[in-house]
Protein backbone atom coordinates (compact mmCIF):
# COMPACT_ATOMS: atom_id res chain seq x y z
CA MET A 1 0.00 0.00 0.00
CA PRO A 2 1.37 3.46 -0.88
CA GLU A 3 2.74 5.59 1.95
CA LEU A 4 0.02 8.26 2.18
CA PHE A 5 -0.14 11.73 3.73
CA ASP A 6 -3.45 11.33 5.49
CA PRO A 7 -4.49 8.37 7.69
CA TYR A 8 -8.03 8.68 6.33
CA LEU A 9 -6.67 8.09 2.82
CA ILE A 10 -5.48 4.64 3.92
CA LYS A 11 -9.11 3.88 4.71
CA THR A 12 -10.40 5.37 1.44
CA PHE A 13 -7.74 3.40 -0.45
CA LYS A 14 -9.07 0.13 1.01
CA LYS A 15 -12.66 1.14 0.21
CA ASP A 16 -11.83 2.24 -3.33
CA LYS A 17 -9.93 -0.99 -3.95
CA LYS A 18 -12.87 -3.07 -2.73
CA PHE A 19 -15.38 -1.07 -4.76
CA LEU A 20 -13.26 -1.47 -7.91
CA GLU A 21 -13.04 -5.21 -7.35
CA THR A 22 -16.76 -5.70 -6.75
CA THR A 23 -18.34 -3.13 -9.08
CA LYS A 24 -19.68 -4.11 -12.48
CA VAL A 25 -17.79 -1.30 -14.24
CA PRO A 26 -14.46 -0.23 -12.69
CA ILE A 27 -13.44 3.18 -14.09
CA ILE A 28 -9.89 4.55 -13.97
CA THR A 29 -8.83 8.07 -14.89
CA VAL A 30 -5.93 10.46 -14.22
CA SER A 31 -7.12 14.01 -13.67
CA ALA A 32 -6.57 15.45 -10.18
CA SER A 33 -5.97 14.86 -6.49
CA TYR A 34 -9.52 15.38 -5.23
CA LYS A 35 -8.61 13.91 -1.84
CA GLU A 36 -11.00 15.92 0.31
CA ASP A 37 -14.02 15.08 -1.83
CA LEU A 38 -12.83 11.48 -1.87
CA LYS A 39 -12.82 11.44 1.94
CA LYS A 40 -16.25 13.06 1.97
CA SER A 41 -17.67 10.45 -0.40
CA HIS A 42 -16.52 7.72 1.97
CA GLY A 43 -17.93 9.46 5.06
CA PHE A 44 -14.67 10.71 6.58
CA PRO A 45 -13.83 14.25 7.84
CA ASP A 46 -12.96 16.60 4.99
CA SER A 47 -12.00 20.20 4.32
CA ASP A 48 -13.62 22.39 1.66
CA THR A 49 -10.67 24.77 1.43
CA ILE A 50 -7.61 22.61 0.70
CA PRO A 51 -6.75 23.09 -2.99
CA ASP A 52 -6.54 20.13 -5.36
CA VAL A 53 -3.67 19.44 -7.71
CA VAL A 54 -5.43 19.50 -11.10
CA PHE A 55 -4.21 18.34 -14.50
CA SER A 56 -7.47 18.13 -16.41
CA ARG A 57 -11.18 18.69 -15.91
CA ALA A 58 -11.85 16.62 -19.03
CA HIS A 59 -10.53 13.31 -17.80
CA TYR A 60 -12.61 13.71 -14.64
CA SER A 61 -15.82 15.09 -16.17
CA MET A 62 -15.93 12.52 -18.97
CA ALA A 63 -15.36 9.58 -16.62
CA LEU A 64 -18.04 10.99 -14.32
CA GLY A 65 -20.41 11.43 -17.25
CA VAL A 66 -20.24 7.74 -18.15
CA ALA A 67 -20.52 6.74 -14.49
CA ILE A 68 -23.69 8.83 -14.13
CA GLN A 69 -25.04 7.25 -17.29
CA ILE A 70 -24.53 3.83 -15.68
CA TRP A 71 -25.68 4.85 -12.17
CA GLY A 72 -28.90 6.57 -13.12
CA LYS A 73 -30.43 8.79 -10.42
CA ARG A 74 -28.09 7.87 -7.56
CA ILE A 75 -24.51 6.72 -7.03
CA ASP A 76 -24.32 2.94 -6.87
CA PRO A 77 -20.87 1.38 -6.27
CA LYS A 78 -22.23 -1.97 -7.42
CA LYS A 79 -22.91 -0.58 -10.90
CA ALA A 80 -19.76 1.56 -11.43
CA TRP A 81 -16.95 3.19 -9.47
CA ILE A 82 -14.33 5.80 -10.42
CA VAL A 83 -10.82 5.95 -9.00
CA ASP A 84 -7.95 8.28 -9.82
CA PRO A 85 -4.58 6.82 -8.65
CA THR A 86 -3.24 10.39 -8.36
CA ASN A 87 -4.99 10.50 -4.98
CA TYR A 88 -2.83 7.66 -3.71
CA VAL A 89 0.64 8.61 -4.87
CA SER A 90 3.13 8.03 -2.06
CA HIS A 91 4.56 10.81 0.07
CA LYS A 92 8.05 10.38 -1.41
CA ASN A 93 6.71 10.69 -4.97
CA TRP A 94 4.27 13.53 -4.37
CA ASN A 95 6.73 16.18 -5.58
CA SER A 96 6.45 14.74 -9.11
CA ILE A 97 2.68 15.35 -9.02
CA GLU A 98 3.13 18.94 -7.91
CA LEU A 99 5.90 19.48 -10.47
CA THR A 100 3.69 18.20 -13.28
CA GLU A 101 0.95 20.64 -12.32
CA ILE A 102 3.36 23.57 -11.96
CA VAL A 103 4.90 22.93 -15.37
CA GLY A 104 1.47 22.53 -16.96
CA LYS A 105 0.11 25.73 -15.44
CA THR A 106 3.21 27.71 -16.36
CA ILE A 107 2.98 26.62 -20.00
CA ALA A 108 -0.77 27.28 -20.01
CA ARG A 109 -0.26 30.87 -18.89
CA TRP A 110 2.70 31.69 -21.14
CA PRO A 111 2.03 30.87 -24.82
CA MET A 112 5.71 31.17 -25.74
CA LEU A 113 6.40 28.14 -23.52
CA LYS A 114 3.98 26.03 -25.53
CA LYS A 115 6.95 24.96 -27.68
CA ILE A 116 8.20 23.04 -24.64
CA LYS A 117 4.87 21.25 -24.41
CA ASP A 118 4.98 20.46 -28.13
CA LEU A 119 8.41 18.90 -27.64
CA ILE A 120 7.02 16.76 -24.82
CA ASP A 121 4.18 15.62 -27.07
CA THR A 122 6.61 14.92 -29.91
CA PHE A 123 8.81 12.62 -27.85
CA GLY A 124 5.88 11.05 -26.01
CA ARG A 125 4.71 11.16 -22.44
CA SER A 126 6.21 7.88 -21.32
CA LYS A 127 9.14 9.63 -19.64
CA LEU A 128 7.09 12.05 -17.53
CA PRO A 129 7.69 11.55 -13.78
CA ILE A 130 3.97 11.36 -12.99
CA LEU A 131 3.73 7.98 -14.74
CA LYS A 132 6.26 6.42 -12.40
CA SER A 133 4.39 7.90 -9.44
CA ILE A 134 0.89 6.69 -10.31
CA THR A 135 1.96 3.17 -11.33
CA PRO A 136 2.34 1.58 -7.84
CA PRO A 137 -1.07 2.70 -6.51
CA LEU A 138 -2.72 1.90 -9.85
CA LEU A 139 -1.37 -1.64 -9.91
CA HIS A 140 -2.30 -2.22 -6.26
CA LEU A 141 -5.83 -0.87 -6.75
CA THR A 142 -6.47 -3.14 -9.74
CA GLU A 143 -4.45 -6.25 -8.87
CA SER A 144 -7.51 -8.40 -8.15
CA ILE A 145 -9.71 -7.13 -10.99
CA HIS A 146 -10.24 -9.71 -13.72
CA HIS A 147 -13.19 -8.21 -15.60
CA PRO A 148 -12.92 -5.28 -18.09
CA ILE A 149 -11.74 -1.89 -16.82
CA LEU A 150 -12.91 1.35 -18.43
CA CYS A 151 -10.01 3.83 -18.83
CA PHE A 152 -10.17 7.54 -19.62
CA HIS A 153 -6.45 8.29 -19.65
CA ILE A 154 -3.86 6.90 -22.00
CA ALA A 155 -1.23 6.39 -19.28
CA ALA A 156 -3.49 4.33 -17.02
CA GLY A 157 -4.81 2.32 -19.97
CA ASN A 158 -1.36 1.43 -21.24
CA ILE A 159 -0.03 0.54 -17.79
CA LEU A 160 -2.92 -1.85 -17.20
CA ALA A 161 -2.99 -3.25 -20.73
CA GLY A 162 0.71 -4.05 -20.34
CA GLN A 163 -0.24 -6.09 -17.26
CA GLY A 164 -2.70 -8.13 -19.31
CA LYS A 165 -5.84 -6.50 -17.87
CA LYS A 166 -8.92 -6.25 -20.07
CA ILE A 167 -9.12 -2.57 -21.00
CA LEU A 168 -11.71 -0.47 -22.80
CA GLN A 169 -9.71 2.66 -23.62
CA VAL A 170 -11.66 5.82 -24.41
CA ILE A 171 -9.95 8.13 -26.92
CA THR A 172 -11.80 11.28 -25.91
CA ASP A 173 -10.68 13.56 -28.77
CA PRO A 174 -10.87 13.32 -32.56
CA HIS A 175 -7.11 12.76 -32.58
CA VAL A 176 -4.95 9.66 -32.09
CA ARG A 177 -1.61 9.93 -30.30
CA ASP A 178 1.08 7.37 -31.02
CA GLU A 179 0.81 6.12 -27.43
CA PHE A 180 -2.71 4.81 -28.07
CA ILE A 181 -1.52 2.16 -30.52
CA LYS A 182 1.17 0.71 -28.24
CA TYR A 183 -0.97 -2.32 -27.32
CA ALA A 184 -3.48 -2.10 -30.17
CA ASP A 185 -2.51 -5.54 -31.49
CA GLN A 186 -3.39 -7.22 -28.17
CA LYS A 187 -6.78 -8.88 -27.69
CA ASN A 188 -7.16 -7.63 -24.12
CA ILE A 189 -7.75 -4.02 -25.20
CA LYS A 190 -10.52 -2.30 -27.15
CA PHE A 191 -10.95 1.36 -28.02
CA CYS A 192 -13.83 3.84 -28.11
CA VAL A 193 -13.28 6.66 -30.61
CA PHE A 194 -14.88 10.02 -31.40
CA ASP A 195 -16.10 9.33 -34.95
CA GLU A 196 -15.42 7.35 -38.13
CA ALA A 197 -12.64 9.75 -39.14
CA THR A 198 -10.87 9.06 -35.83
CA LYS A 199 -11.20 5.32 -36.39
CA ILE A 200 -9.57 5.66 -39.82
CA GLU A 201 -6.80 7.78 -38.29
CA PHE A 202 -6.26 5.09 -35.65
CA LEU A 203 -5.93 2.33 -38.26
CA GLU A 204 -3.63 4.46 -40.42
CA LYS A 205 -1.37 5.23 -37.49
CA ALA A 206 -1.28 1.57 -36.50
CA ALA A 207 -0.33 0.59 -40.06
CA GLU A 208 2.36 3.28 -40.09
CA HIS A 209 3.94 1.68 -37.01
CA ALA A 210 3.38 -1.89 -38.25
CA VAL A 211 0.88 -2.62 -35.48
CA LYS A 212 -1.92 -5.01 -36.44
CA ALA A 213 -5.00 -3.32 -35.05
CA ASP A 214 -8.34 -5.12 -35.40
CA PRO A 215 -11.02 -2.70 -36.74
CA ASN A 216 -13.65 -4.69 -34.86
CA ARG A 217 -12.04 -3.67 -31.57
CA ILE A 218 -12.30 0.03 -32.42
CA ILE A 219 -15.82 1.24 -31.58
CA VAL A 220 -17.23 4.57 -32.76
CA THR A 221 -19.16 6.02 -29.82
CA GLY A 222 -19.02 9.81 -30.03
CA PRO A 223 -17.72 11.92 -27.12
CA PRO A 224 -18.57 11.04 -23.50
CA ILE A 225 -20.75 13.78 -22.00
CA ASP A 226 -22.44 14.01 -18.63
CA PRO A 227 -26.20 13.32 -19.12
CA ARG A 228 -26.96 16.22 -16.77
CA VAL A 229 -25.33 18.62 -19.24
CA ILE A 230 -27.26 17.19 -22.18
CA SER A 231 -30.53 17.55 -20.28
CA THR A 232 -30.06 21.34 -20.04
CA ARG A 233 -30.72 21.76 -23.78
CA LYS A 234 -34.40 20.90 -23.21
CA LYS A 235 -35.09 24.17 -21.39
CA LYS A 236 -32.87 26.38 -23.56
CA HIS A 237 -34.05 28.21 -26.67
CA PRO A 238 -31.90 29.83 -29.39
CA TRP A 239 -31.23 33.47 -28.57
CA ARG A 240 -33.20 36.03 -30.58
CA ASN A 241 -33.12 39.27 -28.63
CA GLY A 242 -32.33 40.75 -25.23
CA PRO A 243 -29.07 40.27 -23.29
CA ILE A 244 -26.74 37.54 -24.53
CA ASN A 245 -25.72 35.18 -21.74
CA LEU A 246 -22.00 34.52 -22.13
CA CYS A 247 -19.76 32.10 -20.25
CA LEU A 248 -16.00 32.76 -20.40
CA THR A 249 -14.00 29.74 -19.31
CA THR A 250 -10.54 28.48 -18.54
CA GLY A 251 -9.41 24.86 -18.37
CA GLY A 252 -7.91 22.49 -15.82
CA LEU A 253 -4.48 24.10 -16.11
CA GLY A 254 -5.70 27.69 -16.28
CA THR A 255 -5.24 27.89 -20.04
CA ASN A 256 -5.99 31.09 -22.02
CA LYS A 257 -5.57 33.39 -19.02
CA ASN A 258 -4.15 36.18 -21.18
CA GLU A 259 -7.01 35.94 -23.68
CA MET A 260 -9.51 35.94 -20.83
CA GLU A 261 -7.98 39.14 -19.46
CA ALA A 262 -8.17 40.81 -22.89
CA ILE A 263 -11.84 39.84 -23.26
CA LEU A 264 -12.72 40.99 -19.75
CA GLU A 265 -11.12 44.38 -20.39
CA GLN A 266 -13.57 44.83 -23.26
CA ILE A 267 -16.75 43.24 -21.92
CA LEU A 268 -16.72 44.61 -18.37
CA PRO A 269 -17.16 48.27 -19.51
CA GLU A 270 -20.10 47.10 -21.65
CA LEU A 271 -21.71 45.47 -18.63
CA ARG A 272 -21.55 48.76 -16.78
CA LYS A 273 -22.81 50.85 -19.69
CA ASN A 274 -25.68 48.76 -21.08
CA ASN A 275 -27.73 45.58 -20.80
CA LYS A 276 -26.57 43.82 -23.97
CA TYR A 277 -24.56 41.10 -22.22
CA LYS A 278 -24.49 39.10 -19.04
CA LEU A 279 -21.28 37.30 -18.10
CA LEU A 280 -20.43 34.22 -16.07
CA VAL A 281 -16.71 33.49 -15.74
CA TYR A 282 -15.50 29.98 -14.95
CA ALA A 283 -12.18 30.29 -13.11
CA SER A 284 -12.16 26.56 -12.27
CA THR A 285 -9.76 25.83 -9.37
CA HIS A 286 -7.41 28.74 -10.14
CA GLN A 287 -7.19 31.38 -7.46
CA ASP A 288 -4.99 33.62 -9.64
CA ILE A 289 -7.70 33.79 -12.32
CA ASN A 290 -10.37 34.31 -9.68
CA LEU A 291 -8.39 37.25 -8.27
CA LEU A 292 -7.77 38.65 -11.76
CA ILE A 293 -11.52 38.74 -12.46
CA LYS A 294 -12.18 40.50 -9.16
CA LYS A 295 -9.40 42.99 -9.82
CA LEU A 296 -10.75 43.86 -13.28
CA ALA A 297 -14.34 44.05 -12.01
CA LYS A 298 -13.24 46.56 -9.38
CA LYS A 299 -11.28 48.51 -12.01
CA HIS A 300 -14.35 48.79 -14.24
CA LYS A 301 -16.79 49.23 -11.33
CA VAL A 302 -18.88 46.15 -12.08
CA LYS A 303 -20.53 44.35 -9.20
CA ILE A 304 -19.85 40.63 -8.81
CA SER A 305 -23.12 38.98 -7.85
CA ASN A 306 -23.99 35.75 -6.12
CA LEU A 307 -24.20 32.68 -8.35
CA ASN A 308 -27.89 32.28 -7.59
CA GLU A 309 -28.69 35.66 -9.17
CA LYS A 310 -29.30 34.52 -12.75
CA THR A 311 -30.18 38.02 -13.96
CA ALA A 312 -26.91 39.48 -12.63
CA LYS A 313 -24.44 41.14 -14.99
CA LEU A 314 -21.33 39.40 -13.62
CA ARG A 315 -20.77 36.19 -11.68
CA ILE A 316 -17.77 33.94 -11.03
CA ILE A 317 -17.51 30.18 -10.65
CA TYR A 318 -14.47 29.34 -8.55
CA HIS A 319 -13.69 26.57 -6.09
CA PRO A 320 -10.26 25.28 -4.97
CA GLN A 321 -11.41 21.69 -5.55
CA LEU A 322 -12.18 20.14 -8.92
CA VAL A 323 -15.24 18.08 -7.99
CA ASP A 324 -17.01 21.13 -6.54
CA ALA A 325 -15.94 23.43 -9.39
CA ASN A 326 -17.32 20.94 -11.90
CA GLU A 327 -20.64 20.65 -10.07
CA LEU A 328 -20.99 24.47 -9.99
CA LEU A 329 -20.29 24.59 -13.72
CA ILE A 330 -23.01 22.03 -14.42
CA LYS A 331 -25.50 23.75 -12.11
CA TYR A 332 -24.99 27.36 -13.19
CA ALA A 333 -23.28 27.57 -16.59
CA PHE A 334 -24.79 25.04 -18.98
CA PRO A 335 -28.49 25.67 -18.25
CA TRP A 336 -27.99 29.45 -18.52
CA SER A 337 -25.41 30.24 -21.21
CA ASP A 338 -26.30 31.12 -24.79
CA GLY A 339 -22.64 30.98 -25.78
CA PHE A 340 -19.26 29.92 -24.46
CA LEU A 341 -15.95 31.68 -25.01
CA THR A 342 -13.58 28.78 -24.44
CA LYS A 343 -10.70 26.89 -25.94
CA PRO A 344 -12.16 24.07 -28.07
CA SER A 345 -11.29 21.40 -25.54
CA GLY A 346 -12.61 17.88 -25.32
CA ASP A 347 -14.69 18.71 -22.31
CA MET A 348 -15.90 22.30 -22.47
CA ALA A 349 -16.59 22.43 -26.20
CA TYR A 350 -18.47 19.11 -26.22
CA ASP A 351 -20.44 20.10 -23.13
CA ALA A 352 -21.27 23.58 -24.41
CA VAL A 353 -22.58 22.32 -27.75
CA SER A 354 -24.51 19.46 -26.14
CA SER A 355 -26.21 22.05 -23.91
CA GLY A 356 -27.40 23.92 -27.01
CA SER A 357 -24.91 26.81 -26.90
CA PHE A 358 -22.74 28.47 -29.55
CA LEU A 359 -18.94 28.63 -29.32
CA LEU A 360 -16.41 31.40 -29.75
CA THR A 361 -13.11 29.57 -29.53
CA LEU A 362 -9.95 30.78 -27.82
CA ALA A 363 -6.44 29.60 -28.77
CA GLU A 364 -6.09 25.83 -29.08
CA TRP A 365 -3.89 23.79 -26.73
CA GLY A 366 -2.90 21.24 -29.36
CA GLU A 367 -3.77 19.81 -32.75
CA TRP A 368 -6.60 17.75 -31.26
CA GLU A 369 -8.28 21.01 -30.23
CA GLU A 370 -7.73 22.41 -33.71
CA ARG A 371 -9.65 19.37 -34.96
CA ILE A 372 -12.46 19.95 -32.45
CA ARG A 373 -12.71 23.58 -33.55
CA GLU A 374 -12.90 22.47 -37.19
CA VAL A 375 -15.64 19.95 -36.41
CA PHE A 376 -17.89 22.58 -34.84
CA GLU A 377 -16.97 25.28 -37.37
CA GLN A 378 -18.07 22.95 -40.15
CA LYS A 379 -21.40 22.57 -38.38
CA ASP A 380 -21.63 26.39 -38.10
CA ILE A 381 -21.80 26.26 -34.31
CA ALA A 382 -18.37 27.81 -33.70
CA ARG A 383 -16.30 30.81 -34.74
CA THR A 384 -12.78 31.78 -33.71
CA ALA A 385 -13.05 34.50 -31.08
CA MET A 386 -11.64 37.91 -31.99
CA THR A 387 -10.09 38.30 -28.56
CA ASN A 388 -8.82 41.82 -29.25
CA ASN A 389 -12.10 43.01 -30.74
CA ILE A 390 -14.73 40.83 -29.09
CA ILE A 391 -17.48 43.46 -28.78
CA ALA A 392 -17.43 44.24 -32.49
CA GLN A 393 -17.57 40.50 -33.24
CA LEU A 394 -20.52 39.98 -30.91
CA LYS A 395 -22.37 42.87 -32.56
CA VAL A 396 -21.91 41.30 -35.99
CA LEU A 397 -22.86 37.80 -34.86
CA SER A 398 -26.00 39.03 -33.07
CA SER A 399 -27.18 41.31 -35.87
CA THR A 400 -29.96 40.50 -38.32
CA ALA A 401 -30.84 41.74 -41.80
CA GLY A 402 -34.59 42.10 -42.17
CA LYS A 403 -36.31 38.93 -40.97
CA SER A 404 -33.25 36.72 -41.22
CA GLN A 405 -31.74 34.97 -38.20
CA SER A 406 -28.57 36.21 -36.55
CA TRP A 407 -25.56 33.89 -36.61
CA ILE A 408 -25.98 33.33 -32.87
CA GLU A 409 -29.55 32.13 -33.30
CA LYS A 410 -28.56 29.90 -36.22
CA ALA A 411 -25.59 28.46 -34.34
CA MET A 412 -27.71 27.63 -31.30
CA HIS A 413 -30.30 26.03 -33.58
CA GLN A 414 -27.50 23.94 -35.12
CA ALA A 415 -26.40 22.89 -31.63
CA HIS A 416 -29.97 21.90 -30.77
CA THR A 417 -30.27 19.74 -33.90
CA ILE A 418 -26.77 18.26 -33.91
CA ASP A 419 -26.12 14.67 -35.00
CA PRO A 420 -27.10 12.29 -32.14
CA LEU A 421 -23.53 10.92 -32.33
CA PHE A 422 -22.48 13.97 -30.29
CA LEU A 423 -25.07 13.26 -27.58
CA ASN A 424 -25.03 9.49 -27.14
CA GLY A 425 -21.34 8.86 -26.38
CA SER A 426 -21.84 8.01 -22.71
CA LYS A 427 -24.65 5.58 -23.58
CA LYS A 428 -22.56 3.86 -26.26
CA ILE A 429 -19.46 3.62 -24.05
CA ALA A 430 -21.58 2.13 -21.26
CA LYS A 431 -22.95 -0.39 -23.75
CA ALA A 432 -19.45 -1.19 -25.07
CA ILE A 433 -18.05 -1.99 -21.61
CA GLU A 434 -21.13 -4.11 -20.87
CA GLU A 435 -20.56 -6.13 -24.07
CA PHE A 436 -16.79 -6.49 -23.65
């Protein structure tokens, strides 16, 4: 058993291990150290103020989305259970977890450093210190599992596939990294992919590396989305007039902070002057972004209202812990927002569109996000945000000529009538693991 910081985590480790062994669908992801919420879920004392180490909202929210699809109305450990081995990294290895987050956040906030990230992606992630740290707890947690495991992170999937475990690996983006095909010729692993184009890319990449991948073990499911997000589209109608409800968001690493600042400098004066826009800013778990929003709101003399005030001009979603931040996002952002200003990530973009919203996309984090942007641009749901002239862009996109629809209304209509492939991913993944 890993040497853990907190004595209660020893107890949660034993409970998580047992739940994984006895549940019908064991789910593994690598996203964050949500230790306090983990303790709370197992009935132990917890703190709501200790910050999480966060790598990705996506790998958490997508795993949760499929779990909720399987659970139904209430959490049932017998049906499915999610574990992130990051929570159980040993004390001596914890510095590698913190280092990974620090490097990620630094790159996310300084675009010039993205070249470093691109180099990491080019040479693969197999050498990153976090992989060595999560391996011992991951292997211990899963050592007695003999039925299929659902994986939402490439590292966890490959580690377990290499041990001969039956793995259903979810490729969450319309992009296939080389690491995904490492064990693609083995019969103990199957893959869920975004669409037919991703399946073709997978087979091409496998052929390029002389890996014999069986097309029958590559299942097209669409993206995994939380059913609670999809349900919000039922009460949302395409915008036609009145204030436009906008949600400006960052990601798990605090990406696009500079673009967010530029947009806030333009929109906040508009909030004070007129009633054309209402703004909700998702700062995620990032205190620096939360403080930036407050600083700019004070500068432009705009009141920050309580989250429950849906008619307010400015609100902020911030929580130091990922699980809580994600729940606030689902409760307040998706049911309310007409449009999202966000990087075209494999969580926020999917979720926004599935909720019936339009997208104005910030700078991409990688080529997979370029592909996501292209997918939604082709469906006329997304446009690239003019971050240095956002008000002029919003005026154009909300304008009409005669009786014609504005682009915003058309884009929201497109989101409401999107191909069911983009809405049924969680259902199809749940079915795929059941049939494994």
